[in-house]
Amino acid sequence: MDSYSPAESAAFADKERDFFAGHPSTPDTVIEVLSPFGKFKIDSYPNPSVPADIHYVVFFSNNATKETFEVHGTLARAYLDLVRNRSGVTDFPIADTRHPVAEPRGDISYFSAYSLRWVQATNAVIKKFYKPYDPARASNPAKVHEFDPVDGNTLVGYSEEYPIASDALTFKNWKDVADLGKYNPSIGVRTVGMPSQILLHETAGFGDLSIAGIRKSAEGDFLIPHFCVNNLDAKGKGSILQFVDVATKVFHGEHTNNRAVGIEFVNAPFESFTRDRPPRPIFNLVTSDRGVYLQTKLPARRDLFIPLEFATEAGDSHHELRIKKDKVLNLAALKAGVGPDKKKVVEETGDEVVLKFVKSGKFEHLAALVSALVGNKLVKGIDDLAKEEFWRPVMRVDGKPFYIFENGWLPNRKAPSPFDIGSHFFVNPGTPGLLTHVLIGGHGDGATQCLYLYLKFVRRVPVASILQVLVDLLTSARTPAETAGFTLRSTVVLVDGVGYRTPQHPMSKKFTSIVELDEALIEKAAAPAKPAAPSK
């Protein structure tokens, strides 16, 4: 049997106290279950309705997160039939037993690799693995390790399905997609249990991602995101694709893979991204009409492409965007007209240009996805998107809010202490929240999307004004605080790409690719419009 530390014993005692609430129970000393990821404790208890009917409860304390979860009743018995008297158990509980979304009279429990659901009407326990079902391998016994969603247009989390499609948005998961078996070696379990972060990426291109188009890393792993926010279709309807269950660990964000749900967003944010060697730019963004190519005030990102859509007809979904003429690097391309019909969208007024018929559709579809993930409690620890504490790129220094547009780490290979050798992070990437790919490593993507979402959810800027505020923040004259920057000390060290620890000798890094979040500008944009004065 497992031996427990004082902290683990206390955690189990607290969980038992909450679960049994004074009712009788007996510790089990016969069933043995051992896991490298944590400790098990098993108790038995009489069914309150039928005392002769003995039930079990399985408690599990996770080594990585120090959280303790329970599985009870028929689900506990079914689980013990799967893992009893085993060592090296990798299918451990990651949440307490509760009612399923679609079956409030049953029970469900999430495990690291699958879910178990008890159907009250039949007393059956249904096991659903998180790895996707492959119809091309239907005759293979291995299919029992795969799951096919019931509906192809639902968001899938821990084998449960949530509606997300709307009149403005098409949502599609992997249902009925063939040749999925090749991806299984690149789909694993999260040792930390449920994810606690959302990591925002950009695709470095303008083409939609597809499941069949997943590419490999140099190491041979398929680089699978959980979702991609694809382009709007010809009728202006949005599109999101889900590649795998949010429960799974896939390769999309280096050391954050274990904790983060990865969301790609179709866009090439800058030209210097290179895919092949020797380095070469992929796109000439100066000639693109897919958005606005800005000259920003960011030292590390002087040029930044912000994707836009342009409405094909008049309506409430579009708005105008005013920008200083010398800040628009692709002005000639926009003046020539956008889309296949070369629609005229530019109006020049002095030293400004007005972009007309602007839409922020993809940004809003990203917002709908993030809202669904948090609202349905599919990401642990983020309880309210309106709380600034969850937005990792936002930093308050001397009471002023700043947004970080640069890498938030430094390598240290010659530290005075072995405890300090590794990657030092200045914004903790191990805590719940929303992260950008630029912040956690040597990348440049996701920052614009996260700032848009922050302005929407935290600062309550209306949709028609968010892009204007975002552009104004990026192109206005640098404030003294931005020019001076600020210095942070590292809060954690990533050790061997696995775990975080507090550095004994923190490193320092000065941040200058930052944007001061102009309170007056944001508050003015977020303020409700004043009603028109009555006519006399």
Protein backbone atom coordinates (compact mmCIF):
# COMPACT_ATOMS: atom_id res chain seq x y z
CA MET A 1 0.00 0.00 0.00
CA ASP A 2 0.99 3.62 -0.37
CA SER A 3 2.81 5.31 2.48
CA TYR A 4 1.73 8.90 3.09
CA SER A 5 3.60 12.02 4.07
CA PRO A 6 2.07 14.16 6.82
CA ALA A 7 0.76 16.57 4.18
CA GLU A 8 -0.82 13.73 2.18
CA SER A 9 -2.34 12.22 5.31
CA ALA A 10 -3.86 15.58 6.21
CA ALA A 11 -5.21 16.02 2.67
CA PHE A 12 -6.82 12.59 2.75
CA ALA A 13 -8.29 13.25 6.18
CA ASP A 14 -9.83 16.52 4.96
CA LYS A 15 -11.29 14.81 1.92
CA GLU A 16 -12.68 11.92 3.97
CA ARG A 17 -14.24 14.37 6.43
CA ASP A 18 -15.97 16.23 3.60
CA PHE A 19 -17.09 13.08 1.82
CA PHE A 20 -18.37 10.99 4.72
CA ALA A 21 -19.71 13.88 6.84
CA GLY A 22 -19.63 11.74 9.97
CA HIS A 23 -21.05 8.57 8.39
CA PRO A 24 -19.19 5.29 9.07
CA SER A 25 -16.36 4.13 6.79
CA THR A 26 -13.56 1.58 6.88
CA PRO A 27 -10.04 2.00 5.44
CA ASP A 28 -9.25 -0.77 2.94
CA THR A 29 -6.00 -2.66 3.63
CA VAL A 30 -6.26 -5.27 0.88
CA ILE A 31 -6.55 -3.47 -2.47
CA GLU A 32 -3.25 -2.04 -3.67
CA VAL A 33 -2.97 0.62 -6.38
CA LEU A 34 0.35 2.39 -7.02
CA SER A 35 1.09 5.26 -9.39
CA PRO A 36 4.18 7.34 -10.14
CA PHE A 37 1.90 10.38 -10.30
CA GLY A 38 0.44 10.31 -6.81
CA LYS A 39 -0.96 8.35 -3.86
CA PHE A 40 -4.18 6.37 -3.51
CA LYS A 41 -6.33 5.78 -0.44
CA ILE A 42 -9.34 3.46 -0.57
CA ASP A 43 -12.21 3.31 1.92
CA SER A 44 -15.36 1.21 2.01
CA TYR A 45 -18.73 2.30 3.38
CA PRO A 46 -22.23 0.85 3.66
CA ASN A 47 -24.92 2.02 1.29
CA PRO A 48 -27.12 4.26 3.48
CA SER A 49 -30.23 2.74 1.88
CA VAL A 50 -29.05 -0.88 1.95
CA PRO A 51 -26.43 -1.33 4.72
CA ALA A 52 -25.49 -4.81 3.48
CA ASP A 53 -24.45 -3.26 0.16
CA ILE A 54 -20.81 -2.17 0.53
CA HIS A 55 -19.55 0.70 -1.63
CA TYR A 56 -16.04 2.02 -2.22
CA VAL A 57 -14.51 5.44 -2.52
CA VAL A 58 -11.10 6.00 -4.11
CA PHE A 59 -9.11 9.09 -3.10
CA PHE A 60 -6.08 10.22 -5.12
CA SER A 61 -3.52 12.87 -4.17
CA ASN A 62 -1.61 14.26 -7.16
CA ASN A 63 2.14 14.64 -6.62
CA ALA A 64 2.43 17.57 -9.05
CA THR A 65 -0.51 19.70 -7.96
CA LYS A 66 -1.03 18.51 -4.34
CA GLU A 67 -4.77 18.26 -5.12
CA THR A 68 -6.92 15.39 -3.87
CA PHE A 69 -9.93 13.96 -5.73
CA GLU A 70 -12.49 11.23 -5.06
CA VAL A 71 -14.32 8.61 -7.10
CA HIS A 72 -17.18 6.78 -5.41
CA GLY A 73 -20.03 4.32 -5.81
CA THR A 74 -20.40 2.23 -8.94
CA LEU A 75 -17.72 4.26 -10.71
CA ALA A 76 -15.19 3.51 -7.96
CA ARG A 77 -15.92 -0.20 -8.21
CA ALA A 78 -15.54 -0.15 -12.01
CA TYR A 79 -12.29 1.80 -11.71
CA LEU A 80 -10.87 -0.61 -9.13
CA ASP A 81 -11.67 -3.50 -11.47
CA LEU A 82 -9.42 -1.78 -14.00
CA VAL A 83 -6.47 -0.89 -11.76
CA ARG A 84 -6.58 -3.00 -8.54
CA ASN A 85 -3.27 -4.46 -7.38
CA ARG A 86 -1.35 -2.67 -10.13
CA SER A 87 1.76 -0.54 -9.95
CA GLY A 88 2.62 2.20 -12.42
CA VAL A 89 -1.01 3.29 -12.80
CA THR A 90 -1.26 6.22 -15.24
CA ASP A 91 -5.06 6.48 -15.37
CA PHE A 92 -5.64 8.44 -12.18
CA PRO A 93 -8.60 10.66 -11.13
CA ILE A 94 -8.39 14.33 -12.11
CA ALA A 95 -11.75 15.56 -10.74
CA ASP A 96 -14.41 14.60 -8.22
CA THR A 97 -17.38 12.48 -9.26
CA ARG A 98 -20.33 14.61 -10.37
CA HIS A 99 -23.38 14.53 -12.64
CA PRO A 100 -22.73 14.50 -16.41
CA VAL A 101 -23.74 17.49 -18.52
CA ALA A 102 -26.24 15.48 -20.56
CA GLU A 103 -27.38 13.02 -17.88
CA PRO A 104 -28.11 14.79 -14.57
CA ARG A 105 -29.38 11.57 -12.98
CA GLY A 106 -26.11 9.70 -13.58
CA ASP A 107 -22.52 10.19 -12.46
CA ILE A 108 -19.26 10.86 -14.27
CA SER A 109 -15.63 10.95 -13.20
CA TYR A 110 -12.70 12.26 -15.21
CA PHE A 111 -9.45 10.30 -15.27
CA SER A 112 -6.18 11.18 -16.96
CA ALA A 113 -6.79 9.04 -20.07
CA TYR A 114 -10.56 8.51 -20.13
CA SER A 115 -13.85 9.21 -18.42
CA LEU A 116 -16.16 6.76 -16.67
CA ARG A 117 -19.87 7.50 -16.76
CA TRP A 118 -22.53 5.67 -14.76
CA VAL A 119 -25.93 5.43 -16.43
CA GLN A 120 -28.55 5.17 -13.71
CA ALA A 121 -31.24 3.62 -15.92
CA THR A 122 -29.11 0.60 -16.86
CA ASN A 123 -26.53 0.63 -14.04
CA ALA A 124 -23.90 0.46 -16.80
CA VAL A 125 -20.51 2.17 -16.68
CA ILE A 126 -19.37 3.63 -20.01
CA LYS A 127 -15.66 4.18 -20.60
CA LYS A 128 -14.61 6.82 -23.14
CA PHE A 129 -10.96 7.42 -23.96
CA TYR A 130 -9.95 10.94 -24.88
CA LYS A 131 -7.91 9.92 -27.92
CA PRO A 132 -9.95 10.39 -31.09
CA TYR A 133 -11.71 7.50 -32.78
CA ASP A 134 -10.44 6.60 -36.25
CA PRO A 135 -13.08 5.13 -38.59
CA ALA A 136 -10.29 3.79 -40.79
CA ARG A 137 -9.34 1.41 -37.96
CA ALA A 138 -12.83 0.28 -37.04
CA SER A 139 -11.87 -3.40 -37.30
CA ASN A 140 -8.88 -2.93 -34.99
CA PRO A 141 -9.34 -3.95 -31.32
CA ALA A 142 -7.39 -0.85 -30.40
CA LYS A 143 -10.51 1.19 -31.19
CA VAL A 144 -11.62 0.70 -27.58
CA HIS A 145 -8.98 3.30 -26.77
CA GLU A 146 -10.65 5.92 -28.94
CA PHE A 147 -13.66 8.21 -28.67
CA ASP A 148 -15.91 9.56 -31.42
CA PRO A 149 -18.13 12.53 -30.49
CA VAL A 150 -21.85 12.03 -30.83
CA ASP A 151 -22.18 15.32 -32.73
CA GLY A 152 -19.63 16.81 -35.11
CA ASN A 153 -20.40 20.41 -34.14
CA THR A 154 -19.82 20.26 -30.37
CA LEU A 155 -16.91 21.34 -28.20
CA VAL A 156 -15.50 18.22 -26.53
CA GLY A 157 -14.07 18.31 -23.01
CA TYR A 158 -13.30 15.15 -21.03
CA SER A 159 -15.53 13.20 -23.46
CA GLU A 160 -18.52 15.46 -22.68
CA GLU A 161 -19.96 17.64 -25.44
CA TYR A 162 -20.99 21.30 -25.29
CA PRO A 163 -22.92 23.29 -27.92
CA ILE A 164 -21.00 26.22 -29.34
CA ALA A 165 -22.05 26.64 -32.99
CA SER A 166 -24.22 29.67 -33.78
CA ASP A 167 -25.60 31.68 -36.68
CA ALA A 168 -22.25 33.47 -36.84
CA LEU A 169 -19.95 30.52 -36.17
CA THR A 170 -19.41 27.01 -37.52
CA PHE A 171 -17.72 24.66 -35.07
CA LYS A 172 -16.36 21.25 -36.09
CA ASN A 173 -14.57 18.54 -34.12
CA TRP A 174 -12.77 15.41 -35.36
CA LYS A 175 -15.89 13.25 -35.73
CA ASP A 176 -15.69 10.89 -38.73
CA VAL A 177 -12.24 12.14 -39.79
CA ALA A 178 -10.16 9.18 -41.02
CA ASP A 179 -6.46 8.38 -40.54
CA LEU A 180 -6.35 9.65 -36.96
CA GLY A 181 -4.42 6.66 -35.63
CA LYS A 182 -1.10 8.12 -36.76
CA TYR A 183 -1.51 10.95 -34.25
CA ASN A 184 -1.95 8.72 -31.18
CA PRO A 185 1.77 8.62 -30.24
CA SER A 186 1.68 12.42 -30.02
CA ILE A 187 -1.41 12.50 -27.76
CA GLY A 188 -0.70 11.86 -24.09
CA VAL A 189 -2.03 12.40 -20.58
CA ARG A 190 -1.54 15.46 -18.42
CA THR A 191 0.32 14.52 -15.25
CA VAL A 192 -1.19 17.62 -13.61
CA GLY A 193 -4.74 16.47 -14.37
CA MET A 194 -7.08 19.10 -15.78
CA PRO A 195 -5.49 22.01 -17.71
CA SER A 196 -5.32 25.34 -15.94
CA GLN A 197 -4.15 27.64 -18.75
CA ILE A 198 -5.12 28.86 -22.20
CA LEU A 199 -2.15 29.46 -24.50
CA LEU A 200 -2.74 31.68 -27.55
CA HIS A 201 -0.86 31.07 -30.81
CA GLU A 202 -0.89 32.37 -34.37
CA THR A 203 -0.40 30.07 -37.36
CA ALA A 204 2.22 32.19 -39.21
CA GLY A 205 0.07 31.91 -42.33
CA PHE A 206 -3.28 32.86 -43.82
CA GLY A 207 -4.57 29.42 -44.77
CA ASP A 208 -7.02 27.46 -42.62
CA LEU A 209 -5.60 24.63 -40.53
CA SER A 210 -7.01 21.15 -40.98
CA ILE A 211 -6.61 17.88 -39.10
CA ALA A 212 -5.02 16.31 -42.17
CA GLY A 213 -2.56 19.20 -42.36
CA ILE A 214 -0.95 18.76 -38.93
CA ARG A 215 2.81 18.95 -39.38
CA LYS A 216 5.65 17.26 -37.52
CA SER A 217 8.41 18.74 -35.42
CA ALA A 218 12.07 18.00 -36.10
CA GLU A 219 11.84 15.40 -33.33
CA GLY A 220 8.99 13.60 -35.11
CA ASP A 221 6.09 14.67 -32.90
CA PHE A 222 2.91 15.94 -34.50
CA LEU A 223 2.38 19.57 -33.48
CA ILE A 224 -1.29 19.34 -32.54
CA PRO A 225 -3.23 22.29 -31.11
CA HIS A 226 -6.52 21.73 -29.34
CA PHE A 227 -8.31 24.32 -31.49
CA CYS A 228 -7.80 26.62 -34.44
CA VAL A 229 -9.81 29.75 -35.16
CA ASN A 230 -9.93 29.61 -38.95
CA ASN A 231 -10.97 32.23 -41.49
CA LEU A 232 -14.49 33.41 -42.19
CA ASP A 233 -16.15 31.78 -45.19
CA ALA A 234 -17.38 33.58 -48.30
CA LYS A 235 -20.66 34.41 -46.54
CA GLY A 236 -18.90 35.92 -43.52
CA LYS A 237 -19.49 32.99 -41.16
CA GLY A 238 -16.71 32.04 -38.77
CA SER A 239 -15.05 28.66 -38.39
CA ILE A 240 -13.38 26.89 -35.46
CA LEU A 241 -11.86 23.41 -35.65
CA GLN A 242 -11.20 21.19 -32.63
CA PHE A 243 -8.40 18.67 -33.11
CA VAL A 244 -8.46 16.75 -29.80
CA ASP A 245 -10.22 16.66 -26.44
CA VAL A 246 -9.10 19.45 -24.09
CA ALA A 247 -8.21 16.70 -21.59
CA THR A 248 -5.25 15.57 -23.67
CA LYS A 249 -1.64 16.66 -23.60
CA VAL A 250 -0.40 17.51 -27.09
CA PHE A 251 2.66 19.29 -28.48
CA HIS A 252 1.87 22.95 -29.05
CA GLY A 253 3.57 25.05 -26.36
CA GLU A 254 6.82 23.49 -25.07
CA HIS A 255 6.89 23.34 -21.26
CA THR A 256 3.27 24.52 -21.00
CA ASN A 257 1.92 21.47 -22.86
CA ASN A 258 1.08 19.75 -19.58
CA ARG A 259 -1.06 22.61 -18.31
CA ALA A 260 -2.37 24.56 -21.30
CA VAL A 261 -5.15 24.32 -23.85
CA GLY A 262 -3.58 25.46 -27.12
CA ILE A 263 -5.56 27.73 -29.46
CA GLU A 264 -4.17 28.61 -32.89
CA PHE A 265 -5.44 31.72 -34.70
CA VAL A 266 -4.98 32.06 -38.45
CA ASN A 267 -2.63 35.00 -39.02
CA ALA A 268 0.94 35.88 -39.96
CA PRO A 269 1.83 38.55 -37.37
CA PHE A 270 5.15 39.52 -38.99
CA GLU A 271 7.35 38.75 -41.96
CA SER A 272 10.47 37.52 -40.19
CA PHE A 273 8.97 34.15 -39.30
CA THR A 274 10.93 31.41 -41.09
CA ARG A 275 9.96 27.81 -41.60
CA ASP A 276 12.88 26.48 -43.66
CA ARG A 277 16.62 26.90 -43.65
CA PRO A 278 18.23 29.13 -44.76
CA PRO A 279 15.89 31.67 -43.13
CA ARG A 280 13.49 33.34 -45.51
CA PRO A 281 10.30 35.37 -45.05
CA ILE A 282 7.14 33.58 -46.12
CA PHE A 283 4.87 36.55 -46.81
CA ASN A 284 5.15 40.06 -48.12
CA LEU A 285 2.72 41.66 -45.72
CA VAL A 286 3.13 45.08 -47.32
CA THR A 287 1.09 43.76 -50.24
CA SER A 288 -1.60 42.06 -48.11
CA ASP A 289 -5.21 43.24 -47.87
CA ARG A 290 -6.13 40.74 -45.13
CA GLY A 291 -5.69 43.29 -42.38
CA VAL A 292 -3.60 46.27 -41.39
CA TYR A 293 0.20 46.09 -41.25
CA LEU A 294 1.14 48.53 -38.51
CA GLN A 295 4.33 50.34 -37.67
CA THR A 296 4.20 50.11 -33.88
CA LYS A 297 6.14 51.67 -31.04
CA LEU A 298 7.39 48.31 -29.78
CA PRO A 299 11.20 48.01 -29.94
CA ALA A 300 11.03 44.23 -30.41
CA ARG A 301 8.11 44.30 -32.85
CA ARG A 302 8.28 47.42 -35.00
CA ASP A 303 6.02 45.87 -37.62
CA LEU A 304 2.90 43.94 -36.65
CA PHE A 305 0.11 42.56 -38.81
CA ILE A 306 -3.40 42.71 -37.34
CA PRO A 307 -5.92 40.59 -39.24
CA LEU A 308 -9.23 42.17 -40.19
CA GLU A 309 -12.24 41.30 -42.24
CA PHE A 310 -14.22 43.76 -44.29
CA ALA A 311 -18.01 43.59 -44.47
CA THR A 312 -19.39 42.85 -47.91
CA GLU A 313 -22.48 44.94 -47.27
CA ALA A 314 -23.73 47.60 -44.89
CA GLY A 315 -24.83 46.41 -41.47
CA ASP A 316 -24.27 46.51 -37.74
CA SER A 317 -21.32 44.08 -37.81
CA HIS A 318 -18.77 46.56 -39.18
CA HIS A 319 -17.19 49.77 -37.96
CA GLU A 320 -14.54 52.32 -38.90
CA LEU A 321 -10.91 52.34 -37.87
CA ARG A 322 -8.84 55.55 -37.81
CA ILE A 323 -5.05 55.28 -38.10
CA LYS A 324 -2.23 57.73 -38.75
CA LYS A 325 -1.32 57.38 -42.40
CA ASP A 326 2.40 56.91 -41.75
CA LYS A 327 1.63 53.93 -39.44
CA VAL A 328 -0.04 51.83 -42.17
CA LEU A 329 2.66 49.87 -43.98
CA ASN A 330 0.26 48.23 -46.43
CA LEU A 331 -1.67 51.38 -47.25
CA ALA A 332 -1.13 51.03 -51.03
CA ALA A 333 -2.55 47.50 -50.97
CA LEU A 334 -5.60 48.60 -49.00
CA LYS A 335 -6.18 51.61 -51.24
CA ALA A 336 -6.24 49.28 -54.24
CA GLY A 337 -9.27 47.57 -52.72
CA VAL A 338 -9.86 44.42 -50.70
CA GLY A 339 -11.21 41.01 -51.55
CA PRO A 340 -11.92 39.51 -54.96
CA ASP A 341 -14.10 42.47 -55.91
CA LYS A 342 -11.47 45.01 -54.80
CA LYS A 343 -13.92 46.82 -52.57
CA LYS A 344 -12.82 50.36 -51.71
CA VAL A 345 -12.36 50.64 -47.95
CA VAL A 346 -9.88 53.51 -47.50
CA GLU A 347 -10.83 57.14 -46.96
CA GLU A 348 -8.02 59.68 -46.50
CA THR A 349 -8.50 62.67 -44.23
CA GLY A 350 -5.35 64.73 -43.76
CA ASP A 351 -2.67 62.69 -42.04
CA GLU A 352 -5.16 59.94 -41.16
CA VAL A 353 -6.78 57.13 -43.04
CA VAL A 354 -10.18 55.73 -42.21
CA LEU A 355 -10.67 52.03 -42.87
CA LYS A 356 -14.37 51.46 -43.54
CA PHE A 357 -16.51 48.33 -43.22
CA VAL A 358 -14.03 46.79 -40.75
CA LYS A 359 -15.00 43.58 -38.92
CA SER A 360 -13.27 41.79 -36.06
CA GLY A 361 -14.96 38.45 -36.69
CA LYS A 362 -12.09 36.07 -35.97
CA PHE A 363 -11.26 37.89 -32.75
CA GLU A 364 -14.88 37.55 -31.65
CA HIS A 365 -14.91 33.86 -32.53
CA LEU A 366 -11.79 33.41 -30.42
CA ALA A 367 -13.61 35.22 -27.61
CA ALA A 368 -16.58 32.86 -27.97
CA LEU A 369 -14.27 29.83 -27.70
CA VAL A 370 -12.40 31.15 -24.65
CA SER A 371 -15.69 32.08 -23.01
CA ALA A 372 -17.03 28.56 -23.63
CA LEU A 373 -13.94 26.93 -22.15
CA VAL A 374 -14.08 29.02 -18.98
CA GLY A 375 -17.86 29.17 -18.69
CA ASN A 376 -18.18 25.39 -18.87
CA LYS A 377 -15.36 24.95 -16.31
CA LEU A 378 -13.15 23.05 -18.75
CA VAL A 379 -10.08 24.94 -17.58
CA LYS A 380 -9.32 24.61 -13.88
CA GLY A 381 -8.59 27.66 -11.76
CA ILE A 382 -9.85 30.39 -14.11
CA ASP A 383 -13.20 31.24 -12.58
CA ASP A 384 -13.87 34.65 -14.15
CA LEU A 385 -12.41 36.16 -17.33
CA ALA A 386 -13.16 39.63 -15.96
CA LYS A 387 -10.44 39.25 -13.29
CA GLU A 388 -7.18 40.88 -14.36
CA GLU A 389 -5.19 38.42 -12.22
CA PHE A 390 -5.65 35.69 -14.85
CA TRP A 391 -4.15 37.71 -17.71
CA ARG A 392 -0.45 36.89 -17.52
CA PRO A 393 0.86 39.47 -20.05
CA VAL A 394 -0.67 42.29 -17.96
CA MET A 395 1.67 43.64 -15.31
CA ARG A 396 1.08 46.49 -12.88
CA VAL A 397 4.15 48.51 -11.96
CA ASP A 398 3.83 51.42 -9.52
CA GLY A 399 0.08 51.12 -9.91
CA LYS A 400 0.17 51.50 -13.71
CA PRO A 401 -1.00 48.65 -15.97
CA PHE A 402 1.31 47.47 -18.76
CA TYR A 403 0.99 44.81 -21.43
CA ILE A 404 4.09 42.74 -22.30
CA PHE A 405 4.81 42.10 -25.98
CA GLU A 406 8.14 40.27 -25.57
CA ASN A 407 9.67 37.02 -24.36
CA GLY A 408 9.37 36.55 -20.61
CA TRP A 409 12.27 34.19 -19.90
CA LEU A 410 16.08 33.93 -19.90
CA PRO A 411 18.27 30.80 -19.95
CA ASN A 412 20.80 30.29 -17.14
CA ARG A 413 23.35 27.54 -17.69
CA LYS A 414 26.10 28.80 -15.36
CA ALA A 415 24.26 29.62 -12.19
CA PRO A 416 26.05 29.82 -8.81
CA SER A 417 23.66 27.17 -7.51
CA PRO A 418 22.38 24.04 -9.30
CA PHE A 419 18.92 25.09 -8.13
CA ASP A 420 19.17 28.09 -10.48
CA ILE A 421 20.23 26.26 -13.64
CA GLY A 422 17.44 26.25 -16.22
CA SER A 423 15.02 28.67 -17.84
CA HIS A 424 14.13 31.62 -15.60
CA PHE A 425 10.63 33.04 -16.03
CA PHE A 426 9.55 36.52 -15.00
CA VAL A 427 5.83 35.80 -15.30
CA ASN A 428 4.98 32.49 -13.67
CA PRO A 429 3.90 30.05 -16.45
CA GLY A 430 2.81 27.42 -13.94
CA THR A 431 -0.23 29.23 -12.53
CA PRO A 432 -3.79 29.43 -13.91
CA GLY A 433 -4.39 32.06 -16.56
CA LEU A 434 -4.15 33.12 -20.17
CA LEU A 435 -0.71 33.15 -21.78
CA THR A 436 0.74 34.20 -25.13
CA HIS A 437 3.29 32.16 -27.05
CA VAL A 438 5.54 35.23 -27.25
CA LEU A 439 5.62 35.49 -23.45
CA ILE A 440 6.70 31.94 -22.61
CA GLY A 441 9.53 31.38 -25.09
CA GLY A 442 11.39 32.41 -28.22
CA HIS A 443 8.27 33.13 -30.26
CA GLY A 444 6.31 36.12 -31.50
CA ASP A 445 2.69 35.04 -31.63
CA GLY A 446 -0.51 35.37 -29.63
CA ALA A 447 0.06 38.80 -28.06
CA THR A 448 -2.41 40.78 -30.18
CA GLN A 449 -5.17 38.24 -29.61
CA CYS A 450 -4.69 38.23 -25.86
CA LEU A 451 -4.74 42.02 -25.69
CA TYR A 452 -7.99 42.06 -27.67
CA LEU A 453 -9.55 39.57 -25.25
CA TYR A 454 -8.29 41.52 -22.22
CA LEU A 455 -9.88 44.72 -23.52
CA LYS A 456 -13.12 42.83 -24.11
CA PHE A 457 -13.45 40.75 -20.95
CA VAL A 458 -11.61 42.79 -18.31
CA ARG A 459 -11.97 46.38 -19.49
CA ARG A 460 -15.43 45.89 -21.06
CA VAL A 461 -14.60 47.79 -24.24
CA PRO A 462 -17.46 47.25 -26.74
CA VAL A 463 -16.73 45.27 -29.89
CA ALA A 464 -17.03 48.30 -32.16
CA SER A 465 -14.22 50.06 -30.27
CA ILE A 466 -11.76 47.29 -29.32
CA LEU A 467 -9.70 47.38 -32.51
CA GLN A 468 -9.49 51.17 -32.38
CA VAL A 469 -8.22 51.07 -28.80
CA LEU A 470 -5.76 48.31 -29.68
CA VAL A 471 -4.37 50.26 -32.65
CA ASP A 472 -4.16 53.48 -30.64
CA LEU A 473 -2.25 51.72 -27.85
CA LEU A 474 0.25 50.26 -30.33
CA THR A 475 0.84 53.37 -32.44
CA SER A 476 0.65 56.31 -30.03
CA ALA A 477 3.79 58.10 -28.91
CA ARG A 478 5.74 56.19 -26.29
CA THR A 479 5.11 57.35 -22.76
CA PRO A 480 8.06 58.02 -20.40
CA ALA A 481 7.13 54.84 -18.53
CA GLU A 482 7.30 52.79 -21.74
CA THR A 483 10.62 54.33 -22.75
CA ALA A 484 12.13 53.64 -19.34
CA GLY A 485 10.68 50.14 -19.22
CA PHE A 486 10.73 48.12 -16.03
CA THR A 487 12.89 45.39 -14.58
CA LEU A 488 11.50 42.17 -13.16
CA ARG A 489 13.19 39.42 -11.20
CA SER A 490 12.55 35.81 -12.15
CA THR A 491 9.91 34.10 -10.07
CA VAL A 492 10.43 30.46 -11.12
CA VAL A 493 12.99 28.24 -12.83
CA LEU A 494 11.93 25.51 -15.25
CA VAL A 495 13.97 22.42 -14.40
CA ASP A 496 14.69 19.87 -17.16
CA GLY A 497 11.59 20.98 -19.02
CA VAL A 498 9.37 19.38 -16.36
CA GLY A 499 8.78 21.26 -13.10
CA TYR A 500 9.12 24.74 -11.66
CA ARG A 501 10.94 25.82 -8.52
CA THR A 502 11.77 29.11 -6.83
CA PRO A 503 15.27 30.36 -7.77
CA GLN A 504 17.77 30.89 -4.99
CA HIS A 505 19.44 33.60 -7.07
CA PRO A 506 16.78 35.23 -9.29
CA MET A 507 17.82 36.72 -12.62
CA SER A 508 16.78 40.19 -13.75
CA LYS A 509 15.37 41.26 -17.12
CA LYS A 510 14.41 44.69 -18.38
CA PHE A 511 11.20 44.84 -20.39
CA THR A 512 10.87 47.60 -22.98
CA SER A 513 8.52 46.11 -25.62
CA ILE A 514 5.58 47.02 -23.46
CA VAL A 515 2.44 49.08 -23.84
CA GLU A 516 1.12 51.25 -21.05
CA LEU A 517 -2.59 50.56 -20.90
CA ASP A 518 -3.78 54.16 -21.12
CA GLU A 519 -6.54 54.31 -18.51
CA ALA A 520 -8.20 57.43 -19.91
CA LEU A 521 -8.28 56.01 -23.44
CA ILE A 522 -9.69 52.65 -22.33
CA GLU A 523 -12.23 54.11 -19.92
CA LYS A 524 -13.50 56.53 -22.55
CA ALA A 525 -13.97 53.67 -25.03
CA ALA A 526 -15.66 51.48 -22.42
CA ALA A 527 -18.01 54.18 -21.16
CA PRO A 528 -21.62 53.78 -22.30
CA ALA A 529 -22.70 56.25 -24.93
CA LYS A 530 -24.62 59.21 -23.56
CA PRO A 531 -28.22 59.46 -24.79
CA ALA A 532 -28.85 62.21 -27.28
CA ALA A 533 -30.28 65.41 -25.86
CA PRO A 534 -34.03 65.80 -26.47
CA SER A 535 -34.89 68.09 -29.32
CA LYS A 536 -36.54 71.37 -28.41
